[in-house]
Amino acid sequence: MSAEIDYSVYYRRWHVDTDKHFDLVARGLERWLGPKIAHLPADARVLDYGCGFGLLTHYLARRFPQVEGVDASRQQVEVARRRGLPVSHVTVELFADWAARHAEAYDVVFLFDVLEHVPPSEQMQFMQRLVATLRPGGEIYIKVPNANSPLAARWRYNDWTHHASFTECSLEFVCVHAGLVRVEPLDDETSVRARWPWIPRWSLRRYYVKHAVRWLWRQYLRSEIGADERHVRLGLNLLVRARRAAS
């Protein structure tokens, strides 16, 4: 039997278990995710599937009194539980049973940085089971690595446990076959855009460089594919919102 993989070894490269870091992430989530979920009722029952240390769960719990986190990594669940977050450890082997017991239990599901960890041959079944935990008409928010990004290969292979990255087309394909409708792409820029980008400040260097590279990348895509790629999102991740079919 192979040894258990401790995913927190990788996760700790990006996140630390401190109040300061949790609050910093919560403020960032409020800036870019907050407006996207402002329409959700306060009494919605919310699931954060693949919660990790509970950073998103921590933020969501500030907005919704009924929030649950689930993760397959025992080590990460232990971190979240030490912070008093409402999370559960559900292994990959037990997921099907857990999903069946939670059929139509949630109004909203967040699936952030999870689908890319599922082997492609299992993604459809995984998504169908997860979508079944949504009530008819319920919403799901999905975030995955963006294969359109100039840094797609770096982002895809940076994590040894990744099995895939996605374009807007392949992600929609999975969503539709999982029983989702109204698949809507959303902006996943995790930093606030400069208010006055034309002012030549040193602090805006990253803004200018990023958008210059993206402009050049769009020109390259157009020359290779011969299609209008102006609306293809080029950030590191893709974020979509979709609904479970009402019937």
C-alpha atoms as a PDB file:
ATOM      1  CA  MET A   1       0.000   0.000   0.000  1.00  0.00           C
ATOM      2  CA  SER A   2       1.406   3.389  -0.961  1.00  0.00           C
ATOM      3  CA  ALA A   3       1.955   6.028   1.705  1.00  0.00           C
ATOM      4  CA  GLU A   4      -0.663   8.743   2.137  1.00  0.00           C
ATOM      5  CA  ILE A   5       0.147  11.897   0.194  1.00  0.00           C
ATOM      6  CA  ASP A   6       0.309  14.960   2.435  1.00  0.00           C
ATOM      7  CA  TYR A   7      -1.014  17.692   0.126  1.00  0.00           C
ATOM      8  CA  SER A   8      -0.428  20.339   2.767  1.00  0.00           C
ATOM      9  CA  VAL A   9       3.306  20.121   1.917  1.00  0.00           C
ATOM     10  CA  TYR A  10       2.495  21.831  -1.391  1.00  0.00           C
ATOM     11  CA  TYR A  11      -0.297  24.024  -0.038  1.00  0.00           C
ATOM     12  CA  ARG A  12       2.007  25.584   2.542  1.00  0.00           C
ATOM     13  CA  ARG A  13       4.128  27.028  -0.257  1.00  0.00           C
ATOM     14  CA  TRP A  14       1.289  29.490  -0.850  1.00  0.00           C
ATOM     15  CA  HIS A  15      -0.665  29.647   2.412  1.00  0.00           C
ATOM     16  CA  VAL A  16       0.183  29.781   6.108  1.00  0.00           C
ATOM     17  CA  ASP A  17      -2.003  29.049   9.101  1.00  0.00           C
ATOM     18  CA  THR A  18      -2.008  32.486  10.721  1.00  0.00           C
ATOM     19  CA  ASP A  19      -4.776  34.956  11.551  1.00  0.00           C
ATOM     20  CA  LYS A  20      -3.010  37.591   9.456  1.00  0.00           C
ATOM     21  CA  HIS A  21      -2.954  35.397   6.340  1.00  0.00           C
ATOM     22  CA  PHE A  22      -6.570  34.255   6.745  1.00  0.00           C
ATOM     23  CA  ASP A  23      -7.726  37.859   7.113  1.00  0.00           C
ATOM     24  CA  LEU A  24      -5.612  38.973   4.141  1.00  0.00           C
ATOM     25  CA  VAL A  25      -7.146  36.269   1.926  1.00  0.00           C
ATOM     26  CA  ALA A  26     -10.634  37.152   3.191  1.00  0.00           C
ATOM     27  CA  ARG A  27     -10.121  40.797   2.195  1.00  0.00           C
ATOM     28  CA  GLY A  28      -8.961  39.739  -1.259  1.00  0.00           C
ATOM     29  CA  LEU A  29     -11.966  37.449  -1.666  1.00  0.00           C
ATOM     30  CA  GLU A  30     -14.300  40.242  -0.633  1.00  0.00           C
ATOM     31  CA  ARG A  31     -12.894  42.490  -3.386  1.00  0.00           C
ATOM     32  CA  TRP A  32     -13.263  40.094  -6.314  1.00  0.00           C
ATOM     33  CA  LEU A  33     -15.741  37.424  -5.184  1.00  0.00           C
ATOM     34  CA  GLY A  34     -17.982  39.515  -2.953  1.00  0.00           C
ATOM     35  CA  PRO A  35     -19.738  41.418  -5.770  1.00  0.00           C
ATOM     36  CA  LYS A  36     -20.344  38.160  -7.672  1.00  0.00           C
ATOM     37  CA  ILE A  37     -22.205  36.548  -4.771  1.00  0.00           C
ATOM     38  CA  ALA A  38     -23.947  39.640  -3.401  1.00  0.00           C
ATOM     39  CA  HIS A  39     -27.279  38.409  -4.802  1.00  0.00           C
ATOM     40  CA  LEU A  40     -27.232  35.180  -2.784  1.00  0.00           C
ATOM     41  CA  PRO A  41     -29.638  35.058   0.172  1.00  0.00           C
ATOM     42  CA  ALA A  42     -28.073  35.165   3.618  1.00  0.00           C
ATOM     43  CA  ASP A  43     -29.859  31.953   4.621  1.00  0.00           C
ATOM     44  CA  ALA A  44     -28.408  29.942   1.706  1.00  0.00           C
ATOM     45  CA  ARG A  45     -26.860  26.609   2.632  1.00  0.00           C
ATOM     46  CA  VAL A  46     -23.338  26.727   1.184  1.00  0.00           C
ATOM     47  CA  LEU A  47     -20.747  24.032   0.456  1.00  0.00           C
ATOM     48  CA  ASP A  48     -17.042  24.691  -0.063  1.00  0.00           C
ATOM     49  CA  TYR A  49     -15.891  21.432  -1.662  1.00  0.00           C
ATOM     50  CA  GLY A  50     -12.115  21.008  -1.609  1.00  0.00           C
ATOM     51  CA  CYS A  51     -11.761  23.550   1.187  1.00  0.00           C
ATOM     52  CA  GLY A  52      -8.078  22.986   1.975  1.00  0.00           C
ATOM     53  CA  PHE A  53      -7.033  24.973   5.044  1.00  0.00           C
ATOM     54  CA  GLY A  54     -10.480  26.581   5.031  1.00  0.00           C
ATOM     55  CA  LEU A  55      -9.490  29.984   3.631  1.00  0.00           C
ATOM     56  CA  LEU A  56     -12.598  30.264   1.453  1.00  0.00           C
ATOM     57  CA  THR A  57     -14.744  28.631   4.151  1.00  0.00           C
ATOM     58  CA  HIS A  58     -13.489  31.242   6.612  1.00  0.00           C
ATOM     59  CA  TYR A  59     -14.564  34.043   4.261  1.00  0.00           C
ATOM     60  CA  LEU A  60     -17.922  32.498   3.395  1.00  0.00           C
ATOM     61  CA  ALA A  61     -18.749  31.935   7.058  1.00  0.00           C
ATOM     62  CA  ARG A  62     -18.660  35.714   7.502  1.00  0.00           C
ATOM     63  CA  ARG A  63     -21.494  36.056   4.978  1.00  0.00           C
ATOM     64  CA  PHE A  64     -23.538  32.894   5.447  1.00  0.00           C
ATOM     65  CA  PRO A  65     -24.431  31.179   8.742  1.00  0.00           C
ATOM     66  CA  GLN A  66     -24.862  27.792   7.008  1.00  0.00           C
ATOM     67  CA  VAL A  67     -21.471  26.929   5.518  1.00  0.00           C
ATOM     68  CA  GLU A  68     -19.761  23.550   5.315  1.00  0.00           C
ATOM     69  CA  GLY A  69     -16.293  22.690   4.052  1.00  0.00           C
ATOM     70  CA  VAL A  70     -15.183  19.296   2.745  1.00  0.00           C
ATOM     71  CA  ASP A  71     -11.727  18.097   1.753  1.00  0.00           C
ATOM     72  CA  ALA A  72     -10.007  14.797   0.989  1.00  0.00           C
ATOM     73  CA  SER A  73      -6.747  15.870   2.680  1.00  0.00           C
ATOM     74  CA  ARG A  74      -6.719  14.841   6.320  1.00  0.00           C
ATOM     75  CA  GLN A  75      -3.825  17.185   7.135  1.00  0.00           C
ATOM     76  CA  GLN A  76      -5.587  20.224   5.690  1.00  0.00           C
ATOM     77  CA  VAL A  77      -8.865  19.425   7.405  1.00  0.00           C
ATOM     78  CA  GLU A  78      -6.994  19.285  10.701  1.00  0.00           C
ATOM     79  CA  VAL A  79      -5.699  22.825  10.109  1.00  0.00           C
ATOM     80  CA  ALA A  80      -9.221  24.096   9.376  1.00  0.00           C
ATOM     81  CA  ARG A  81     -10.685  22.339  12.387  1.00  0.00           C
ATOM     82  CA  ARG A  82      -8.073  23.868  14.691  1.00  0.00           C
ATOM     83  CA  ARG A  83      -9.420  27.234  13.574  1.00  0.00           C
ATOM     84  CA  GLY A  84     -12.943  26.159  14.519  1.00  0.00           C
ATOM     85  CA  LEU A  85     -14.201  25.993  10.936  1.00  0.00           C
ATOM     86  CA  PRO A  86     -17.119  23.659  10.057  1.00  0.00           C
ATOM     87  CA  VAL A  87     -15.242  21.215   7.818  1.00  0.00           C
ATOM     88  CA  SER A  88     -15.332  17.463   7.225  1.00  0.00           C
ATOM     89  CA  HIS A  89     -12.812  14.934   5.963  1.00  0.00           C
ATOM     90  CA  VAL A  90     -14.229  12.912   3.059  1.00  0.00           C
ATOM     91  CA  THR A  91     -11.785  10.684   1.214  1.00  0.00           C
ATOM     92  CA  VAL A  92     -11.945  10.127  -2.529  1.00  0.00           C
ATOM     93  CA  GLU A  93     -13.160   6.576  -1.880  1.00  0.00           C
ATOM     94  CA  LEU A  94     -16.048   7.809   0.293  1.00  0.00           C
ATOM     95  CA  PHE A  95     -17.095  10.719  -1.927  1.00  0.00           C
ATOM     96  CA  ALA A  96     -19.818   8.839  -3.833  1.00  0.00           C
ATOM     97  CA  ASP A  97     -21.491   7.744  -0.595  1.00  0.00           C
ATOM     98  CA  TRP A  98     -21.168  11.232   0.904  1.00  0.00           C
ATOM     99  CA  ALA A  99     -22.685  12.835  -2.213  1.00  0.00           C
ATOM    100  CA  ALA A 100     -25.616  10.404  -2.186  1.00  0.00           C
ATOM    101  CA  ARG A 101     -26.325  11.238   1.458  1.00  0.00           C
ATOM    102  CA  HIS A 102     -26.263  14.972   0.658  1.00  0.00           C
ATOM    103  CA  ALA A 103     -28.485  14.891  -2.430  1.00  0.00           C
ATOM    104  CA  GLU A 104     -30.081  18.316  -3.066  1.00  0.00           C
ATOM    105  CA  ALA A 105     -28.735  19.579   0.262  1.00  0.00           C
ATOM    106  CA  TYR A 106     -27.113  22.851  -0.858  1.00  0.00           C
ATOM    107  CA  ASP A 107     -28.210  26.108  -2.448  1.00  0.00           C
ATOM    108  CA  VAL A 108     -24.670  27.045  -3.500  1.00  0.00           C
ATOM    109  CA  VAL A 109     -21.504  25.023  -4.099  1.00  0.00           C
ATOM    110  CA  PHE A 110     -17.981  26.398  -4.498  1.00  0.00           C
ATOM    111  CA  LEU A 111     -15.517  24.166  -6.349  1.00  0.00           C
ATOM    112  CA  PHE A 112     -12.276  26.136  -6.360  1.00  0.00           C
ATOM    113  CA  ASP A 113      -9.018  24.548  -7.544  1.00  0.00           C
ATOM    114  CA  VAL A 114     -10.393  21.007  -7.372  1.00  0.00           C
ATOM    115  CA  LEU A 115     -11.516  19.710 -10.780  1.00  0.00           C
ATOM    116  CA  GLU A 116      -7.969  19.790 -12.154  1.00  0.00           C
ATOM    117  CA  HIS A 117      -6.993  17.248  -9.483  1.00  0.00           C
ATOM    118  CA  VAL A 118      -9.527  14.711 -10.772  1.00  0.00           C
ATOM    119  CA  PRO A 119      -8.310  12.362 -13.572  1.00  0.00           C
ATOM    120  CA  PRO A 120     -10.084  13.255 -16.861  1.00  0.00           C
ATOM    121  CA  SER A 121     -11.635   9.789 -17.059  1.00  0.00           C
ATOM    122  CA  GLU A 122     -13.394  10.463 -13.734  1.00  0.00           C
ATOM    123  CA  GLN A 123     -14.291  14.142 -14.114  1.00  0.00           C
ATOM    124  CA  MET A 124     -17.750  13.657 -15.615  1.00  0.00           C
ATOM    125  CA  GLN A 125     -18.902  11.235 -12.926  1.00  0.00           C
ATOM    126  CA  PHE A 126     -17.381  13.372 -10.186  1.00  0.00           C
ATOM    127  CA  MET A 127     -19.173  16.477 -11.445  1.00  0.00           C
ATOM    128  CA  GLN A 128     -22.486  14.679 -11.872  1.00  0.00           C
ATOM    129  CA  ARG A 129     -22.332  13.475  -8.278  1.00  0.00           C
ATOM    130  CA  LEU A 130     -21.337  16.904  -6.968  1.00  0.00           C
ATOM    131  CA  VAL A 131     -24.049  18.697  -8.966  1.00  0.00           C
ATOM    132  CA  ALA A 132     -26.588  16.260  -7.486  1.00  0.00           C
ATOM    133  CA  THR A 133     -25.862  17.811  -4.070  1.00  0.00           C
ATOM    134  CA  LEU A 134     -27.291  21.083  -5.390  1.00  0.00           C
ATOM    135  CA  ARG A 135     -30.964  21.815  -5.107  1.00  0.00           C
ATOM    136  CA  PRO A 136     -32.675  22.297  -8.490  1.00  0.00           C
ATOM    137  CA  GLY A 137     -31.871  25.820  -9.636  1.00  0.00           C
ATOM    138  CA  GLY A 138     -28.930  26.077  -7.227  1.00  0.00           C
ATOM    139  CA  GLU A 139     -25.673  27.776  -8.221  1.00  0.00           C
ATOM    140  CA  ILE A 140     -22.143  26.427  -8.482  1.00  0.00           C
ATOM    141  CA  TYR A 141     -18.934  28.447  -8.822  1.00  0.00           C
ATOM    142  CA  ILE A 142     -16.009  26.620 -10.424  1.00  0.00           C
ATOM    143  CA  LYS A 143     -12.386  27.767 -10.643  1.00  0.00           C
ATOM    144  CA  VAL A 144      -9.742  25.830 -12.621  1.00  0.00           C
ATOM    145  CA  PRO A 145      -6.336  26.501 -14.241  1.00  0.00           C
ATOM    146  CA  ASN A 146      -6.680  28.389 -17.522  1.00  0.00           C
ATOM    147  CA  ALA A 147      -5.057  26.658 -20.511  1.00  0.00           C
ATOM    148  CA  ASN A 148      -5.366  29.935 -22.478  1.00  0.00           C
ATOM    149  CA  SER A 149      -2.952  31.762 -20.194  1.00  0.00           C
ATOM    150  CA  PRO A 150       0.598  32.563 -21.385  1.00  0.00           C
ATOM    151  CA  LEU A 151       1.661  30.808 -18.156  1.00  0.00           C
ATOM    152  CA  ALA A 152      -0.637  27.809 -18.670  1.00  0.00           C
ATOM    153  CA  ALA A 153       2.129  25.199 -18.639  1.00  0.00           C
ATOM    154  CA  ARG A 154       3.711  26.648 -15.500  1.00  0.00           C
ATOM    155  CA  TRP A 155       0.343  26.735 -13.718  1.00  0.00           C
ATOM    156  CA  ARG A 156      -0.646  23.248 -14.932  1.00  0.00           C
ATOM    157  CA  TYR A 157       2.587  21.484 -13.961  1.00  0.00           C
ATOM    158  CA  ASN A 158       3.472  23.504 -10.887  1.00  0.00           C
ATOM    159  CA  ASP A 159       1.343  21.105  -8.846  1.00  0.00           C
ATOM    160  CA  TRP A 160       2.257  17.418  -9.143  1.00  0.00           C
ATOM    161  CA  THR A 161      -1.329  16.391  -8.377  1.00  0.00           C
ATOM    162  CA  HIS A 162      -2.835  18.298 -11.327  1.00  0.00           C
ATOM    163  CA  HIS A 163      -4.289  16.151 -14.097  1.00  0.00           C
ATOM    164  CA  ALA A 164      -5.553  18.865 -16.444  1.00  0.00           C
ATOM    165  CA  SER A 165      -6.114  22.499 -17.248  1.00  0.00           C
ATOM    166  CA  PHE A 166      -9.089  23.897 -19.141  1.00  0.00           C
ATOM    167  CA  THR A 167     -10.195  26.307 -21.804  1.00  0.00           C
ATOM    168  CA  GLU A 168     -13.596  27.941 -21.661  1.00  0.00           C
ATOM    169  CA  CYS A 169     -14.766  25.333 -24.190  1.00  0.00           C
ATOM    170  CA  SER A 170     -13.634  22.225 -22.309  1.00  0.00           C
ATOM    171  CA  LEU A 171     -14.913  23.547 -18.979  1.00  0.00           C
ATOM    172  CA  GLU A 172     -18.335  24.262 -20.456  1.00  0.00           C
ATOM    173  CA  PHE A 173     -18.339  20.755 -21.978  1.00  0.00           C
ATOM    174  CA  VAL A 174     -17.902  19.193 -18.529  1.00  0.00           C
ATOM    175  CA  CYS A 175     -20.494  21.502 -16.969  1.00  0.00           C
ATOM    176  CA  VAL A 176     -23.179  20.772 -19.548  1.00  0.00           C
ATOM    177  CA  HIS A 177     -22.710  17.006 -19.275  1.00  0.00           C
ATOM    178  CA  ALA A 178     -22.937  17.294 -15.486  1.00  0.00           C
ATOM    179  CA  GLY A 179     -26.435  18.739 -15.747  1.00  0.00           C
ATOM    180  CA  LEU A 180     -25.563  22.429 -15.452  1.00  0.00           C
ATOM    181  CA  VAL A 181     -27.111  25.266 -17.437  1.00  0.00           C
ATOM    182  CA  ARG A 182     -26.374  28.967 -17.926  1.00  0.00           C
ATOM    183  CA  VAL A 183     -22.604  28.505 -17.737  1.00  0.00           C
ATOM    184  CA  GLU A 184     -21.365  32.082 -17.295  1.00  0.00           C
ATOM    185  CA  PRO A 185     -17.681  33.103 -17.359  1.00  0.00           C
ATOM    186  CA  LEU A 186     -16.661  35.537 -14.624  1.00  0.00           C
ATOM    187  CA  ASP A 187     -13.600  37.702 -14.068  1.00  0.00           C
ATOM    188  CA  ASP A 188     -10.985  35.949 -11.934  1.00  0.00           C
ATOM    189  CA  GLU A 189      -8.532  38.798 -11.472  1.00  0.00           C
ATOM    190  CA  THR A 190      -7.573  38.439  -7.831  1.00  0.00           C
ATOM    191  CA  SER A 191      -6.031  41.889  -7.441  1.00  0.00           C
ATOM    192  CA  VAL A 192      -7.810  45.208  -7.716  1.00  0.00           C
ATOM    193  CA  ARG A 193      -7.035  46.917 -11.011  1.00  0.00           C
ATOM    194  CA  ALA A 194      -5.234  50.238 -10.758  1.00  0.00           C
ATOM    195  CA  ARG A 195      -7.695  53.076 -10.496  1.00  0.00           C
ATOM    196  CA  TRP A 196      -5.602  55.351 -12.735  1.00  0.00           C
ATOM    197  CA  PRO A 197      -3.582  53.010 -15.017  1.00  0.00           C
ATOM    198  CA  TRP A 198      -2.362  55.852 -17.224  1.00  0.00           C
ATOM    199  CA  ILE A 199      -0.299  57.393 -14.416  1.00  0.00           C
ATOM    200  CA  PRO A 200       3.322  56.203 -14.925  1.00  0.00           C
ATOM    201  CA  ARG A 201       4.034  55.116 -11.351  1.00  0.00           C
ATOM    202  CA  TRP A 202       6.587  52.435 -10.522  1.00  0.00           C
ATOM    203  CA  SER A 203       3.859  50.574  -8.632  1.00  0.00           C
ATOM    204  CA  LEU A 204       1.949  50.141 -11.900  1.00  0.00           C
ATOM    205  CA  ARG A 205       4.786  48.355 -13.692  1.00  0.00           C
ATOM    206  CA  ARG A 206       3.204  44.937 -13.196  1.00  0.00           C
ATOM    207  CA  TYR A 207      -0.108  46.222 -14.546  1.00  0.00           C
ATOM    208  CA  TYR A 208       1.491  47.490 -17.744  1.00  0.00           C
ATOM    209  CA  VAL A 209       3.677  44.409 -18.271  1.00  0.00           C
ATOM    210  CA  LYS A 210       0.792  41.983 -17.714  1.00  0.00           C
ATOM    211  CA  HIS A 211      -1.520  43.684 -20.155  1.00  0.00           C
ATOM    212  CA  ALA A 212       1.196  44.203 -22.746  1.00  0.00           C
ATOM    213  CA  VAL A 213       2.014  40.488 -22.684  1.00  0.00           C
ATOM    214  CA  ARG A 214      -1.655  39.597 -22.925  1.00  0.00           C
ATOM    215  CA  TRP A 215      -2.106  41.893 -25.933  1.00  0.00           C
ATOM    216  CA  LEU A 216       0.827  40.210 -27.687  1.00  0.00           C
ATOM    217  CA  TRP A 217      -0.520  36.775 -26.758  1.00  0.00           C
ATOM    218  CA  ARG A 218      -3.881  37.602 -28.328  1.00  0.00           C
ATOM    219  CA  GLN A 219      -2.143  38.615 -31.538  1.00  0.00           C
ATOM    220  CA  TYR A 220      -0.268  35.311 -31.555  1.00  0.00           C
ATOM    221  CA  LEU A 221      -3.495  33.362 -30.969  1.00  0.00           C
ATOM    222  CA  ARG A 222      -5.156  35.168 -33.855  1.00  0.00           C
ATOM    223  CA  SER A 223      -2.218  34.448 -36.164  1.00  0.00           C
ATOM    224  CA  GLU A 224      -2.170  30.745 -35.251  1.00  0.00           C
ATOM    225  CA  ILE A 225      -5.891  30.021 -34.989  1.00  0.00           C
ATOM    226  CA  GLY A 226      -7.194  32.641 -37.388  1.00  0.00           C
ATOM    227  CA  ALA A 227     -10.080  33.549 -35.096  1.00  0.00           C
ATOM    228  CA  ASP A 228     -11.066  36.559 -33.057  1.00  0.00           C
ATOM    229  CA  GLU A 229      -9.594  35.901 -29.614  1.00  0.00           C
ATOM    230  CA  ARG A 230     -10.385  39.294 -28.080  1.00  0.00           C
ATOM    231  CA  HIS A 231     -12.779  37.852 -25.536  1.00  0.00           C
ATOM    232  CA  VAL A 232     -10.712  34.849 -24.443  1.00  0.00           C
ATOM    233  CA  ARG A 233      -9.677  35.266 -20.825  1.00  0.00           C
ATOM    234  CA  LEU A 234      -5.920  35.035 -20.288  1.00  0.00           C
ATOM    235  CA  GLY A 235      -5.572  35.052 -16.504  1.00  0.00           C
ATOM    236  CA  LEU A 236      -4.091  32.126 -14.616  1.00  0.00           C
ATOM    237  CA  ASN A 237      -7.526  30.708 -13.810  1.00  0.00           C
ATOM    238  CA  LEU A 238     -10.972  30.356 -15.309  1.00  0.00           C
ATOM    239  CA  LEU A 239     -13.965  31.121 -13.109  1.00  0.00           C
ATOM    240  CA  VAL A 240     -17.529  30.238 -14.115  1.00  0.00           C
ATOM    241  CA  ARG A 241     -20.941  30.361 -12.499  1.00  0.00           C
ATOM    242  CA  ALA A 242     -23.609  27.854 -13.508  1.00  0.00           C
ATOM    243  CA  ARG A 243     -26.930  26.494 -12.279  1.00  0.00           C
ATOM    244  CA  ARG A 244     -28.322  23.050 -11.791  1.00  0.00           C
ATOM    245  CA  ALA A 245     -31.223  22.525 -14.182  1.00  0.00           C
ATOM    246  CA  ALA A 246     -34.525  23.253 -12.459  1.00  0.00           C
ATOM    247  CA  SER A 247     -36.004  19.883 -13.422  1.00  0.00           C
END
